[in-house]
Amino acid sequence: MTRRIPRRLLPHRGALIVAPLGGVSASGRRFGPPITVDRSLVIDGVALRGTQYGREAEVTGAVYCERSAFVSIPAPDSKVTLWPGTVDEREAVVHRVERYYHPRIADLLVVLLR
């Protein structure tokens, strides 16, 4: 039997919406229905990235949440909305997902954004 991760470690409520990647076709990427993550810890930032057309802002960061928030682990290139409904709302893309297993408490997912 596993316990949930303590609330003080995942303080943000409803701060993350994930639209899992459903597939890629000639018409572009398809996304599944969005999933609102109830409990998470969001550490985000904005960095400047140079492109051939100038500089643009790029969202970076990491999100920590319980594995039980998802039916299946979100694939890289899934779309993420941080801080929905606030003035700080941002969109990012999943770069990498790491899973940490603990025998007595719930599994932890670390979702790295770009």
PDB file of N, CA and C in Angstrom:
ATOM      1  N   MET A   1       0.830  -1.178   0.000  1.00  0.00           N
ATOM      2  CA  MET A   1       0.000   0.000   0.000  1.00  0.00           C
ATOM      3  C   MET A   1       0.876   1.245   0.000  1.00  0.00           C
ATOM      4  N   THR A   2       0.546   2.200  -0.845  1.00  0.00           N
ATOM      5  CA  THR A   2       1.333   3.429  -0.901  1.00  0.00           C
ATOM      6  C   THR A   2       0.499   4.597  -0.384  1.00  0.00           C
ATOM      7  N   ARG A   3       1.180   5.541   0.214  1.00  0.00           N
ATOM      8  CA  ARG A   3       0.549   6.765   0.689  1.00  0.00           C
ATOM      9  C   ARG A   3       0.696   7.847  -0.368  1.00  0.00           C
ATOM     10  N   ARG A   4      -0.137   8.845  -0.299  1.00  0.00           N
ATOM     11  CA  ARG A   4      -0.006   9.999  -1.191  1.00  0.00           C
ATOM     12  C   ARG A   4       1.174  10.846  -0.746  1.00  0.00           C
ATOM     13  N   ILE A   5       1.706  11.613  -1.662  1.00  0.00           N
ATOM     14  CA  ILE A   5       2.785  12.537  -1.335  1.00  0.00           C
ATOM     15  C   ILE A   5       2.194  13.656  -0.480  1.00  0.00           C
ATOM     16  N   PRO A   6       2.864  14.063   0.598  1.00  0.00           N
ATOM     17  CA  PRO A   6       2.310  15.095   1.489  1.00  0.00           C
ATOM     18  C   PRO A   6       1.975  16.394   0.746  1.00  0.00           C
ATOM     19  N   ARG A   7       0.911  17.055   1.193  1.00  0.00           N
ATOM     20  CA  ARG A   7       0.436  18.292   0.542  1.00  0.00           C
ATOM     21  C   ARG A   7       1.473  19.401   0.530  1.00  0.00           C
ATOM     22  N   ARG A   8       2.267  19.482   1.565  1.00  0.00           N
ATOM     23  CA  ARG A   8       3.257  20.576   1.632  1.00  0.00           C
ATOM     24  C   ARG A   8       4.321  20.447   0.541  1.00  0.00           C
ATOM     25  N   LEU A   9       4.510  19.246  -0.002  1.00  0.00           N
ATOM     26  CA  LEU A   9       5.496  19.046  -1.066  1.00  0.00           C
ATOM     27  C   LEU A   9       4.923  19.317  -2.456  1.00  0.00           C
ATOM     28  N   LEU A  10       3.598  19.266  -2.598  1.00  0.00           N
ATOM     29  CA  LEU A  10       2.925  19.561  -3.868  1.00  0.00           C
ATOM     30  C   LEU A  10       1.872  20.640  -3.613  1.00  0.00           C
ATOM     31  N   PRO A  11       2.298  21.904  -3.430  1.00  0.00           N
ATOM     32  CA  PRO A  11       1.380  22.939  -2.953  1.00  0.00           C
ATOM     33  C   PRO A  11       0.460  23.564  -3.995  1.00  0.00           C
ATOM     34  N   HIS A  12       0.769  23.467  -5.274  1.00  0.00           N
ATOM     35  CA  HIS A  12      -0.017  24.159  -6.299  1.00  0.00           C
ATOM     36  C   HIS A  12      -1.238  23.337  -6.692  1.00  0.00           C
ATOM     37  N   ARG A  13      -2.413  23.970  -6.676  1.00  0.00           N
ATOM     38  CA  ARG A  13      -3.674  23.313  -6.998  1.00  0.00           C
ATOM     39  C   ARG A  13      -4.180  23.803  -8.350  1.00  0.00           C
ATOM     40  N   GLY A  14      -4.390  22.907  -9.294  1.00  0.00           N
ATOM     41  CA  GLY A  14      -4.935  23.267 -10.605  1.00  0.00           C
ATOM     42  C   GLY A  14      -4.038  24.187 -11.409  1.00  0.00           C
ATOM     43  N   ALA A  15      -2.745  24.153 -11.182  1.00  0.00           N
ATOM     44  CA  ALA A  15      -1.812  25.059 -11.853  1.00  0.00           C
ATOM     45  C   ALA A  15      -1.270  24.488 -13.154  1.00  0.00           C
ATOM     46  N   LEU A  16      -1.773  23.324 -13.573  1.00  0.00           N
ATOM     47  CA  LEU A  16      -1.197  22.646 -14.732  1.00  0.00           C
ATOM     48  C   LEU A  16      -2.290  21.918 -15.508  1.00  0.00           C
ATOM     49  N   ILE A  17      -2.317  22.139 -16.822  1.00  0.00           N
ATOM     50  CA  ILE A  17      -3.202  21.400 -17.716  1.00  0.00           C
ATOM     51  C   ILE A  17      -2.329  20.764 -18.788  1.00  0.00           C
ATOM     52  N   VAL A  18      -2.465  19.451 -18.968  1.00  0.00           N
ATOM     53  CA  VAL A  18      -1.662  18.721 -19.944  1.00  0.00           C
ATOM     54  C   VAL A  18      -2.578  18.184 -21.034  1.00  0.00           C
ATOM     55  N   ALA A  19      -2.249  18.489 -22.294  1.00  0.00           N
ATOM     56  CA  ALA A  19      -2.943  17.916 -23.448  1.00  0.00           C
ATOM     57  C   ALA A  19      -1.994  16.885 -24.050  1.00  0.00           C
ATOM     58  N   PRO A  20      -2.216  15.580 -23.776  1.00  0.00           N
ATOM     59  CA  PRO A  20      -1.273  14.561 -24.229  1.00  0.00           C
ATOM     60  C   PRO A  20      -1.229  14.451 -25.750  1.00  0.00           C
ATOM     61  N   LEU A  21      -0.045  14.179 -26.259  1.00  0.00           N
ATOM     62  CA  LEU A  21       0.150  14.017 -27.692  1.00  0.00           C
ATOM     63  C   LEU A  21      -0.581  12.762 -28.145  1.00  0.00           C
ATOM     64  N   GLY A  22      -1.495  12.923 -29.111  1.00  0.00           N
ATOM     65  CA  GLY A  22      -2.258  11.790 -29.615  1.00  0.00           C
ATOM     66  C   GLY A  22      -1.637  11.161 -30.842  1.00  0.00           C
ATOM     67  N   GLY A  23      -0.806  11.902 -31.531  1.00  0.00           N
ATOM     68  CA  GLY A  23      -0.166  11.385 -32.729  1.00  0.00           C
ATOM     69  C   GLY A  23       0.248  12.525 -33.652  1.00  0.00           C
ATOM     70  N   VAL A  24       1.025  12.163 -34.653  1.00  0.00           N
ATOM     71  CA  VAL A  24       1.507  13.137 -35.627  1.00  0.00           C
ATOM     72  C   VAL A  24       1.126  12.630 -37.007  1.00  0.00           C
ATOM     73  N   SER A  25       0.561  13.516 -37.822  1.00  0.00           N
ATOM     74  CA  SER A  25       0.191  13.148 -39.184  1.00  0.00           C
ATOM     75  C   SER A  25       0.614  14.262 -40.125  1.00  0.00           C
ATOM     76  N   ALA A  26       0.245  14.144 -41.382  1.00  0.00           N
ATOM     77  CA  ALA A  26       0.603  15.157 -42.376  1.00  0.00           C
ATOM     78  C   ALA A  26      -0.026  16.507 -42.061  1.00  0.00           C
ATOM     79  N   SER A  27      -1.156  16.501 -41.360  1.00  0.00           N
ATOM     80  CA  SER A  27      -1.825  17.760 -41.032  1.00  0.00           C
ATOM     81  C   SER A  27      -1.338  18.370 -39.718  1.00  0.00           C
ATOM     82  N   GLY A  28      -0.408  17.726 -39.059  1.00  0.00           N
ATOM     83  CA  GLY A  28       0.150  18.280 -37.824  1.00  0.00           C
ATOM     84  C   GLY A  28      -0.032  17.353 -36.640  1.00  0.00           C
ATOM     85  N   ARG A  29       0.223  17.899 -35.456  1.00  0.00           N
ATOM     86  CA  ARG A  29       0.110  17.105 -34.229  1.00  0.00           C
ATOM     87  C   ARG A  29      -1.335  17.086 -33.748  1.00  0.00           C
ATOM     88  N   ARG A  30      -1.777  15.926 -33.243  1.00  0.00           N
ATOM     89  CA  ARG A  30      -3.100  15.780 -32.633  1.00  0.00           C
ATOM     90  C   ARG A  30      -2.907  15.601 -31.137  1.00  0.00           C
ATOM     91  N   PHE A  31      -3.802  16.225 -30.375  1.00  0.00           N
ATOM     92  CA  PHE A  31      -3.717  16.136 -28.924  1.00  0.00           C
ATOM     93  C   PHE A  31      -4.982  15.497 -28.377  1.00  0.00           C
ATOM     94  N   GLY A  32      -4.826  14.748 -27.303  1.00  0.00           N
ATOM     95  CA  GLY A  32      -5.959  14.128 -26.627  1.00  0.00           C
ATOM     96  C   GLY A  32      -6.669  15.139 -25.753  1.00  0.00           C
ATOM     97  N   PRO A  33      -7.698  14.687 -25.029  1.00  0.00           N
ATOM     98  CA  PRO A  33      -8.422  15.609 -24.146  1.00  0.00           C
ATOM     99  C   PRO A  33      -7.514  16.120 -23.029  1.00  0.00           C
ATOM    100  N   PRO A  34      -7.627  17.404 -22.682  1.00  0.00           N
ATOM    101  CA  PRO A  34      -6.763  17.969 -21.637  1.00  0.00           C
ATOM    102  C   PRO A  34      -7.042  17.384 -20.263  1.00  0.00           C
ATOM    103  N   ILE A  35      -5.973  17.240 -19.479  1.00  0.00           N
ATOM    104  CA  ILE A  35      -6.046  16.709 -18.123  1.00  0.00           C
ATOM    105  C   ILE A  35      -5.585  17.803 -17.167  1.00  0.00           C
ATOM    106  N   THR A  36      -6.423  18.172 -16.204  1.00  0.00           N
ATOM    107  CA  THR A  36      -6.030  19.144 -15.186  1.00  0.00           C
ATOM    108  C   THR A  36      -5.413  18.384 -14.021  1.00  0.00           C
ATOM    109  N   VAL A  37      -4.187  18.734 -13.687  1.00  0.00           N
ATOM    110  CA  VAL A  37      -3.474  18.087 -12.581  1.00  0.00           C
ATOM    111  C   VAL A  37      -3.850  18.804 -11.294  1.00  0.00           C
ATOM    112  N   ASP A  38      -4.389  18.057 -10.353  1.00  0.00           N
ATOM    113  CA  ASP A  38      -4.911  18.634  -9.116  1.00  0.00           C
ATOM    114  C   ASP A  38      -3.808  19.158  -8.202  1.00  0.00           C
ATOM    115  N   ARG A  39      -2.755  18.361  -7.982  1.00  0.00           N
ATOM    116  CA  ARG A  39      -1.680  18.731  -7.058  1.00  0.00           C
ATOM    117  C   ARG A  39      -0.347  18.671  -7.779  1.00  0.00           C
ATOM    118  N   SER A  40       0.448  19.738  -7.665  1.00  0.00           N
ATOM    119  CA  SER A  40       1.761  19.760  -8.318  1.00  0.00           C
ATOM    120  C   SER A  40       2.662  20.785  -7.651  1.00  0.00           C
ATOM    121  N   LEU A  41       3.924  20.737  -8.033  1.00  0.00           N
ATOM    122  CA  LEU A  41       4.894  21.766  -7.675  1.00  0.00           C
ATOM    123  C   LEU A  41       5.469  22.252  -8.987  1.00  0.00           C
ATOM    124  N   VAL A  42       5.243  23.521  -9.314  1.00  0.00           N
ATOM    125  CA  VAL A  42       5.668  24.083 -10.592  1.00  0.00           C
ATOM    126  C   VAL A  42       6.841  25.016 -10.356  1.00  0.00           C
ATOM    127  N   ILE A  43       7.937  24.766 -11.066  1.00  0.00           N
ATOM    128  CA  ILE A  43       9.103  25.643 -11.047  1.00  0.00           C
ATOM    129  C   ILE A  43       9.341  26.027 -12.498  1.00  0.00           C
ATOM    130  N   ASP A  44       8.966  27.253 -12.859  1.00  0.00           N
ATOM    131  CA  ASP A  44       9.064  27.644 -14.261  1.00  0.00           C
ATOM    132  C   ASP A  44       9.861  28.922 -14.420  1.00  0.00           C
ATOM    133  N   GLY A  45      10.259  29.171 -15.631  1.00  0.00           N
ATOM    134  CA  GLY A  45      11.015  30.372 -15.948  1.00  0.00           C
ATOM    135  C   GLY A  45      10.882  30.687 -17.423  1.00  0.00           C
ATOM    136  N   VAL A  46      11.353  31.856 -17.793  1.00  0.00           N
ATOM    137  CA  VAL A  46      11.328  32.278 -19.193  1.00  0.00           C
ATOM    138  C   VAL A  46      12.740  32.667 -19.581  1.00  0.00           C
ATOM    139  N   ALA A  47      13.193  32.164 -20.715  1.00  0.00           N
ATOM    140  CA  ALA A  47      14.528  32.480 -21.204  1.00  0.00           C
ATOM    141  C   ALA A  47      14.418  32.990 -22.634  1.00  0.00           C
ATOM    142  N   LEU A  48      15.384  33.790 -23.052  1.00  0.00           N
ATOM    143  CA  LEU A  48      15.421  34.256 -24.434  1.00  0.00           C
ATOM    144  C   LEU A  48      16.187  33.261 -25.289  1.00  0.00           C
ATOM    145  N   ARG A  49      15.649  32.996 -26.453  1.00  0.00           N
ATOM    146  CA  ARG A  49      16.294  32.085 -27.387  1.00  0.00           C
ATOM    147  C   ARG A  49      16.425  32.804 -28.721  1.00  0.00           C
ATOM    148  N   GLY A  50      17.587  32.708 -29.316  1.00  0.00           N
ATOM    149  CA  GLY A  50      17.804  33.345 -30.603  1.00  0.00           C
ATOM    150  C   GLY A  50      17.347  32.460 -31.748  1.00  0.00           C
ATOM    151  N   THR A  51      16.659  33.061 -32.718  1.00  0.00           N
ATOM    152  CA  THR A  51      16.237  32.353 -33.924  1.00  0.00           C
ATOM    153  C   THR A  51      16.714  33.144 -35.126  1.00  0.00           C
ATOM    154  N   GLN A  52      16.431  32.637 -36.290  1.00  0.00           N
ATOM    155  CA  GLN A  52      16.853  33.353 -37.491  1.00  0.00           C
ATOM    156  C   GLN A  52      16.083  34.657 -37.683  1.00  0.00           C
ATOM    157  N   TYR A  53      14.950  34.808 -36.998  1.00  0.00           N
ATOM    158  CA  TYR A  53      14.138  36.011 -37.118  1.00  0.00           C
ATOM    159  C   TYR A  53      14.318  36.974 -35.957  1.00  0.00           C
ATOM    160  N   GLY A  54      15.151  36.648 -35.022  1.00  0.00           N
ATOM    161  CA  GLY A  54      15.363  37.511 -33.864  1.00  0.00           C
ATOM    162  C   GLY A  54      15.378  36.689 -32.586  1.00  0.00           C
ATOM    163  N   ARG A  55      14.888  37.289 -31.527  1.00  0.00           N
ATOM    164  CA  ARG A  55      14.851  36.601 -30.236  1.00  0.00           C
ATOM    165  C   ARG A  55      13.405  36.381 -29.834  1.00  0.00           C
ATOM    166  N   GLU A  56      13.153  35.254 -29.204  1.00  0.00           N
ATOM    167  CA  GLU A  56      11.816  34.979 -28.696  1.00  0.00           C
ATOM    168  C   GLU A  56      11.913  34.354 -27.320  1.00  0.00           C
ATOM    169  N   ALA A  57      10.849  34.500 -26.549  1.00  0.00           N
ATOM    170  CA  ALA A  57      10.815  33.951 -25.193  1.00  0.00           C
ATOM    171  C   ALA A  57      10.507  32.461 -25.252  1.00  0.00           C
ATOM    172  N   GLU A  58      11.184  31.709 -24.393  1.00  0.00           N
ATOM    173  CA  GLU A  58      10.978  30.268 -24.323  1.00  0.00           C
ATOM    174  C   GLU A  58      10.722  29.895 -22.867  1.00  0.00           C
ATOM    175  N   VAL A  59       9.642  29.156 -22.622  1.00  0.00           N
ATOM    176  CA  VAL A  59       9.314  28.718 -21.265  1.00  0.00           C
ATOM    177  C   VAL A  59      10.148  27.484 -20.933  1.00  0.00           C
ATOM    178  N   THR A  60      10.786  27.506 -19.775  1.00  0.00           N
ATOM    179  CA  THR A  60      11.559  26.360 -19.301  1.00  0.00           C
ATOM    180  C   THR A  60      11.112  26.049 -17.885  1.00  0.00           C
ATOM    181  N   GLY A  61      11.451  24.887 -17.410  1.00  0.00           N
ATOM    182  CA  GLY A  61      11.133  24.578 -16.025  1.00  0.00           C
ATOM    183  C   GLY A  61      10.873  23.115 -15.800  1.00  0.00           C
ATOM    184  N   ALA A  62      10.365  22.829 -14.599  1.00  0.00           N
ATOM    185  CA  ALA A  62      10.059  21.463 -14.202  1.00  0.00           C
ATOM    186  C   ALA A  62       8.765  21.465 -13.393  1.00  0.00           C
ATOM    187  N   VAL A  63       8.020  20.390 -13.538  1.00  0.00           N
ATOM    188  CA  VAL A  63       6.786  20.209 -12.788  1.00  0.00           C
ATOM    189  C   VAL A  63       6.875  18.862 -12.079  1.00  0.00           C
ATOM    190  N   TYR A  64       6.581  18.855 -10.788  1.00  0.00           N
ATOM    191  CA  TYR A  64       6.575  17.631  -9.996  1.00  0.00           C
ATOM    192  C   TYR A  64       5.118  17.302  -9.657  1.00  0.00           C
ATOM    193  N   CYS A  65       4.709  16.067  -9.893  1.00  0.00           N
ATOM    194  CA  CYS A  65       3.342  15.649  -9.581  1.00  0.00           C
ATOM    195  C   CYS A  65       3.305  14.146  -9.340  1.00  0.00           C
ATOM    196  N   GLU A  66       2.157  13.671  -8.840  1.00  0.00           N
ATOM    197  CA  GLU A  66       2.003  12.241  -8.598  1.00  0.00           C
ATOM    198  C   GLU A  66       1.718  11.520  -9.904  1.00  0.00           C
ATOM    199  N   ARG A  67       2.213  10.311 -10.016  1.00  0.00           N
ATOM    200  CA  ARG A  67       1.990   9.492 -11.216  1.00  0.00           C
ATOM    201  C   ARG A  67       0.511   9.196 -11.402  1.00  0.00           C
ATOM    202  N   SER A  68      -0.239   9.105 -10.311  1.00  0.00           N
ATOM    203  CA  SER A  68      -1.659   8.767 -10.378  1.00  0.00           C
ATOM    204  C   SER A  68      -2.508   9.858 -11.037  1.00  0.00           C
ATOM    205  N   ALA A  69      -1.943  11.038 -11.304  1.00  0.00           N
ATOM    206  CA  ALA A  69      -2.681  12.109 -11.970  1.00  0.00           C
ATOM    207  C   ALA A  69      -2.943  11.795 -13.441  1.00  0.00           C
ATOM    208  N   PHE A  70      -2.214  10.827 -14.005  1.00  0.00           N
ATOM    209  CA  PHE A  70      -2.320  10.500 -15.426  1.00  0.00           C
ATOM    210  C   PHE A  70      -2.667   9.033 -15.621  1.00  0.00           C
ATOM    211  N   VAL A  71      -3.479   8.746 -16.630  1.00  0.00           N
ATOM    212  CA  VAL A  71      -3.755   7.359 -17.001  1.00  0.00           C
ATOM    213  C   VAL A  71      -2.499   6.750 -17.605  1.00  0.00           C
ATOM    214  N   SER A  72      -1.875   7.491 -18.524  1.00  0.00           N
ATOM    215  CA  SER A  72      -0.586   7.083 -19.079  1.00  0.00           C
ATOM    216  C   SER A  72       0.351   8.278 -19.012  1.00  0.00           C
ATOM    217  N   ILE A  73       1.618   8.010 -18.884  1.00  0.00           N
ATOM    218  CA  ILE A  73       2.616   9.076 -18.746  1.00  0.00           C
ATOM    219  C   ILE A  73       2.619   9.928 -20.009  1.00  0.00           C
ATOM    220  N   PRO A  74       2.569  11.273 -19.896  1.00  0.00           N
ATOM    221  CA  PRO A  74       2.544  12.118 -21.087  1.00  0.00           C
ATOM    222  C   PRO A  74       3.814  11.965 -21.921  1.00  0.00           C
ATOM    223  N   ALA A  75       3.629  11.872 -23.216  1.00  0.00           N
ATOM    224  CA  ALA A  75       4.749  11.698 -24.138  1.00  0.00           C
ATOM    225  C   ALA A  75       5.453  13.034 -24.376  1.00  0.00           C
ATOM    226  N   PRO A  76       6.736  13.001 -24.746  1.00  0.00           N
ATOM    227  CA  PRO A  76       7.390  14.241 -25.159  1.00  0.00           C
ATOM    228  C   PRO A  76       6.607  14.883 -26.313  1.00  0.00           C
ATOM    229  N   ASP A  77       6.636  16.182 -26.380  1.00  0.00           N
ATOM    230  CA  ASP A  77       5.893  17.025 -27.326  1.00  0.00           C
ATOM    231  C   ASP A  77       4.425  17.193 -26.958  1.00  0.00           C
ATOM    232  N   SER A  78       4.001  16.720 -25.780  1.00  0.00           N
ATOM    233  CA  SER A  78       2.655  17.020 -25.300  1.00  0.00           C
ATOM    234  C   SER A  78       2.603  18.499 -24.929  1.00  0.00           C
ATOM    235  N   LYS A  79       1.424  19.083 -25.044  1.00  0.00           N
ATOM    236  CA  LYS A  79       1.257  20.512 -24.776  1.00  0.00           C
ATOM    237  C   LYS A  79       0.875  20.721 -23.318  1.00  0.00           C
ATOM    238  N   VAL A  80       1.495  21.708 -22.657  1.00  0.00           N
ATOM    239  CA  VAL A  80       1.257  21.999 -21.243  1.00  0.00           C
ATOM    240  C   VAL A  80       0.869  23.470 -21.097  1.00  0.00           C
ATOM    241  N   THR A  81      -0.163  23.731 -20.310  1.00  0.00           N
ATOM    242  CA  THR A  81      -0.541  25.094 -19.965  1.00  0.00           C
ATOM    243  C   THR A  81      -0.256  25.276 -18.481  1.00  0.00           C
ATOM    244  N   LEU A  82       0.587  26.248 -18.164  1.00  0.00           N
ATOM    245  CA  LEU A  82       0.934  26.561 -16.776  1.00  0.00           C
ATOM    246  C   LEU A  82       0.100  27.738 -16.299  1.00  0.00           C
ATOM    247  N   TRP A  83      -0.309  27.697 -15.062  1.00  0.00           N
ATOM    248  CA  TRP A  83      -1.054  28.768 -14.408  1.00  0.00           C
ATOM    249  C   TRP A  83      -2.287  29.185 -15.216  1.00  0.00           C
ATOM    250  N   PRO A  84      -3.171  28.243 -15.589  1.00  0.00           N
ATOM    251  CA  PRO A  84      -4.339  28.604 -16.408  1.00  0.00           C
ATOM    252  C   PRO A  84      -5.273  29.566 -15.679  1.00  0.00           C
ATOM    253  N   GLY A  85      -5.808  30.521 -16.449  1.00  0.00           N
ATOM    254  CA  GLY A  85      -6.756  31.480 -15.904  1.00  0.00           C
ATOM    255  C   GLY A  85      -6.146  32.628 -15.139  1.00  0.00           C
ATOM    256  N   THR A  86      -4.815  32.761 -15.153  1.00  0.00           N
ATOM    257  CA  THR A  86      -4.154  33.866 -14.459  1.00  0.00           C
ATOM    258  C   THR A  86      -3.428  34.738 -15.490  1.00  0.00           C
ATOM    259  N   VAL A  87      -2.892  35.860 -15.041  1.00  0.00           N
ATOM    260  CA  VAL A  87      -2.147  36.730 -15.945  1.00  0.00           C
ATOM    261  C   VAL A  87      -0.808  36.107 -16.338  1.00  0.00           C
ATOM    262  N   ASP A  88      -0.344  35.121 -15.564  1.00  0.00           N
ATOM    263  CA  ASP A  88       0.928  34.454 -15.850  1.00  0.00           C
ATOM    264  C   ASP A  88       0.758  33.202 -16.705  1.00  0.00           C
ATOM    265  N   GLU A  89      -0.396  32.999 -17.313  1.00  0.00           N
ATOM    266  CA  GLU A  89      -0.642  31.790 -18.104  1.00  0.00           C
ATOM    267  C   GLU A  89       0.373  31.678 -19.246  1.00  0.00           C
ATOM    268  N   ARG A  90       0.973  30.485 -19.356  1.00  0.00           N
ATOM    269  CA  ARG A  90       1.991  30.236 -20.386  1.00  0.00           C
ATOM    270  C   ARG A  90       1.773  28.858 -20.977  1.00  0.00           C
ATOM    271  N   GLU A  91       2.218  28.678 -22.215  1.00  0.00           N
ATOM    272  CA  GLU A  91       2.183  27.359 -22.838  1.00  0.00           C
ATOM    273  C   GLU A  91       3.602  26.870 -23.040  1.00  0.00           C
ATOM    274  N   ALA A  92       3.787  25.588 -22.837  1.00  0.00           N
ATOM    275  CA  ALA A  92       5.098  24.965 -23.013  1.00  0.00           C
ATOM    276  C   ALA A  92       4.898  23.578 -23.619  1.00  0.00           C
ATOM    277  N   VAL A  93       6.010  22.921 -23.886  1.00  0.00           N
ATOM    278  CA  VAL A  93       6.001  21.588 -24.477  1.00  0.00           C
ATOM    279  C   VAL A  93       6.811  20.664 -23.578  1.00  0.00           C
ATOM    280  N   VAL A  94       6.328  19.436 -23.411  1.00  0.00           N
ATOM    281  CA  VAL A  94       7.046  18.456 -22.598  1.00  0.00           C
ATOM    282  C   VAL A  94       8.319  18.053 -23.335  1.00  0.00           C
ATOM    283  N   HIS A  95       9.430  18.206 -22.658  1.00  0.00           N
ATOM    284  CA  HIS A  95      10.727  17.820 -23.231  1.00  0.00           C
ATOM    285  C   HIS A  95      11.114  16.407 -22.811  1.00  0.00           C
ATOM    286  N   ARG A  96      10.935  16.120 -21.528  1.00  0.00           N
ATOM    287  CA  ARG A  96      11.309  14.811 -20.990  1.00  0.00           C
ATOM    288  C   ARG A  96      10.489  14.539 -19.734  1.00  0.00           C
ATOM    289  N   VAL A  97      10.185  13.270 -19.492  1.00  0.00           N
ATOM    290  CA  VAL A  97       9.462  12.869 -18.293  1.00  0.00           C
ATOM    291  C   VAL A  97      10.293  11.829 -17.560  1.00  0.00           C
ATOM    292  N   GLU A  98      10.474  12.035 -16.262  1.00  0.00           N
ATOM    293  CA  GLU A  98      11.205  11.083 -15.432  1.00  0.00           C
ATOM    294  C   GLU A  98      10.267  10.593 -14.334  1.00  0.00           C
ATOM    295  N   ARG A  99      10.391   9.331 -13.987  1.00  0.00           N
ATOM    296  CA  ARG A  99       9.542   8.743 -12.952  1.00  0.00           C
ATOM    297  C   ARG A  99      10.421   8.223 -11.830  1.00  0.00           C
ATOM    298  N   TYR A 100      10.069   8.583 -10.602  1.00  0.00           N
ATOM    299  CA  TYR A 100      10.795   8.123  -9.432  1.00  0.00           C
ATOM    300  C   TYR A 100       9.868   7.239  -8.610  1.00  0.00           C
ATOM    301  N   TYR A 101      10.285   6.033  -8.347  1.00  0.00           N
ATOM    302  CA  TYR A 101       9.486   5.070  -7.599  1.00  0.00           C
ATOM    303  C   TYR A 101       9.965   5.020  -6.158  1.00  0.00           C
ATOM    304  N   HIS A 102       9.015   5.038  -5.238  1.00  0.00           N
ATOM    305  CA  HIS A 102       9.322   4.880  -3.826  1.00  0.00           C
ATOM    306  C   HIS A 102       8.430   3.770  -3.283  1.00  0.00           C
ATOM    307  N   PRO A 103       8.951   2.828  -2.512  1.00  0.00           N
ATOM    308  CA  PRO A 103       8.140   1.694  -2.071  1.00  0.00           C
ATOM    309  C   PRO A 103       7.017   2.038  -1.087  1.00  0.00           C
ATOM    310  N   ARG A 104       7.118   3.160  -0.357  1.00  0.00           N
ATOM    311  CA  ARG A 104       6.105   3.462   0.656  1.00  0.00           C
ATOM    312  C   ARG A 104       5.212   4.644   0.320  1.00  0.00           C
ATOM    313  N   ILE A 105       5.674   5.554  -0.536  1.00  0.00           N
ATOM    314  CA  ILE A 105       4.814   6.671  -0.925  1.00  0.00           C
ATOM    315  C   ILE A 105       4.599   6.618  -2.433  1.00  0.00           C
ATOM    316  N   ALA A 106       3.684   7.409  -2.934  1.00  0.00           N
ATOM    317  CA  ALA A 106       3.288   7.361  -4.346  1.00  0.00           C
ATOM    318  C   ALA A 106       4.457   7.678  -5.280  1.00  0.00           C
ATOM    319  N   ASP A 107       4.360   7.161  -6.495  1.00  0.00           N
ATOM    320  CA  ASP A 107       5.360   7.458  -7.522  1.00  0.00           C
ATOM    321  C   ASP A 107       5.321   8.950  -7.851  1.00  0.00           C
ATOM    322  N   LEU A 108       6.477   9.504  -8.157  1.00  0.00           N
ATOM    323  CA  LEU A 108       6.614  10.915  -8.480  1.00  0.00           C
ATOM    324  C   LEU A 108       7.021  11.059  -9.940  1.00  0.00           C
ATOM    325  N   LEU A 109       6.336  11.947 -10.665  1.00  0.00           N
ATOM    326  CA  LEU A 109       6.727  12.276 -12.033  1.00  0.00           C
ATOM    327  C   LEU A 109       7.392  13.632 -12.045  1.00  0.00           C
ATOM    328  N   VAL A 110       8.468  13.759 -12.803  1.00  0.00           N
ATOM    329  CA  VAL A 110       9.121  15.038 -13.035  1.00  0.00           C
ATOM    330  C   VAL A 110       8.976  15.317 -14.528  1.00  0.00           C
ATOM    331  N   VAL A 111       8.254  16.366 -14.865  1.00  0.00           N
ATOM    332  CA  VAL A 111       8.003  16.726 -16.258  1.00  0.00           C
ATOM    333  C   VAL A 111       8.872  17.945 -16.561  1.00  0.00           C
ATOM    334  N   LEU A 112       9.855  17.776 -17.437  1.00  0.00           N
ATOM    335  CA  LEU A 112      10.741  18.872 -17.818  1.00  0.00           C
ATOM    336  C   LEU A 112      10.194  19.550 -19.063  1.00  0.00           C
ATOM    337  N   LEU A 113      10.139  20.890 -19.032  1.00  0.00           N
ATOM    338  CA  LEU A 113       9.517  21.674 -20.094  1.00  0.00           C
ATOM    339  C   LEU A 113      10.548  22.412 -20.920  1.00  0.00           C
ATOM    340  N   ARG A 114      10.146  22.715 -22.135  1.00  0.00           N
ATOM    341  CA  ARG A 114      10.963  23.591 -22.989  1.00  0.00           C
ATOM    342  C   ARG A 114      10.077  24.518 -23.755  1.00  0.00           C
TER     343      ARG A 114
END
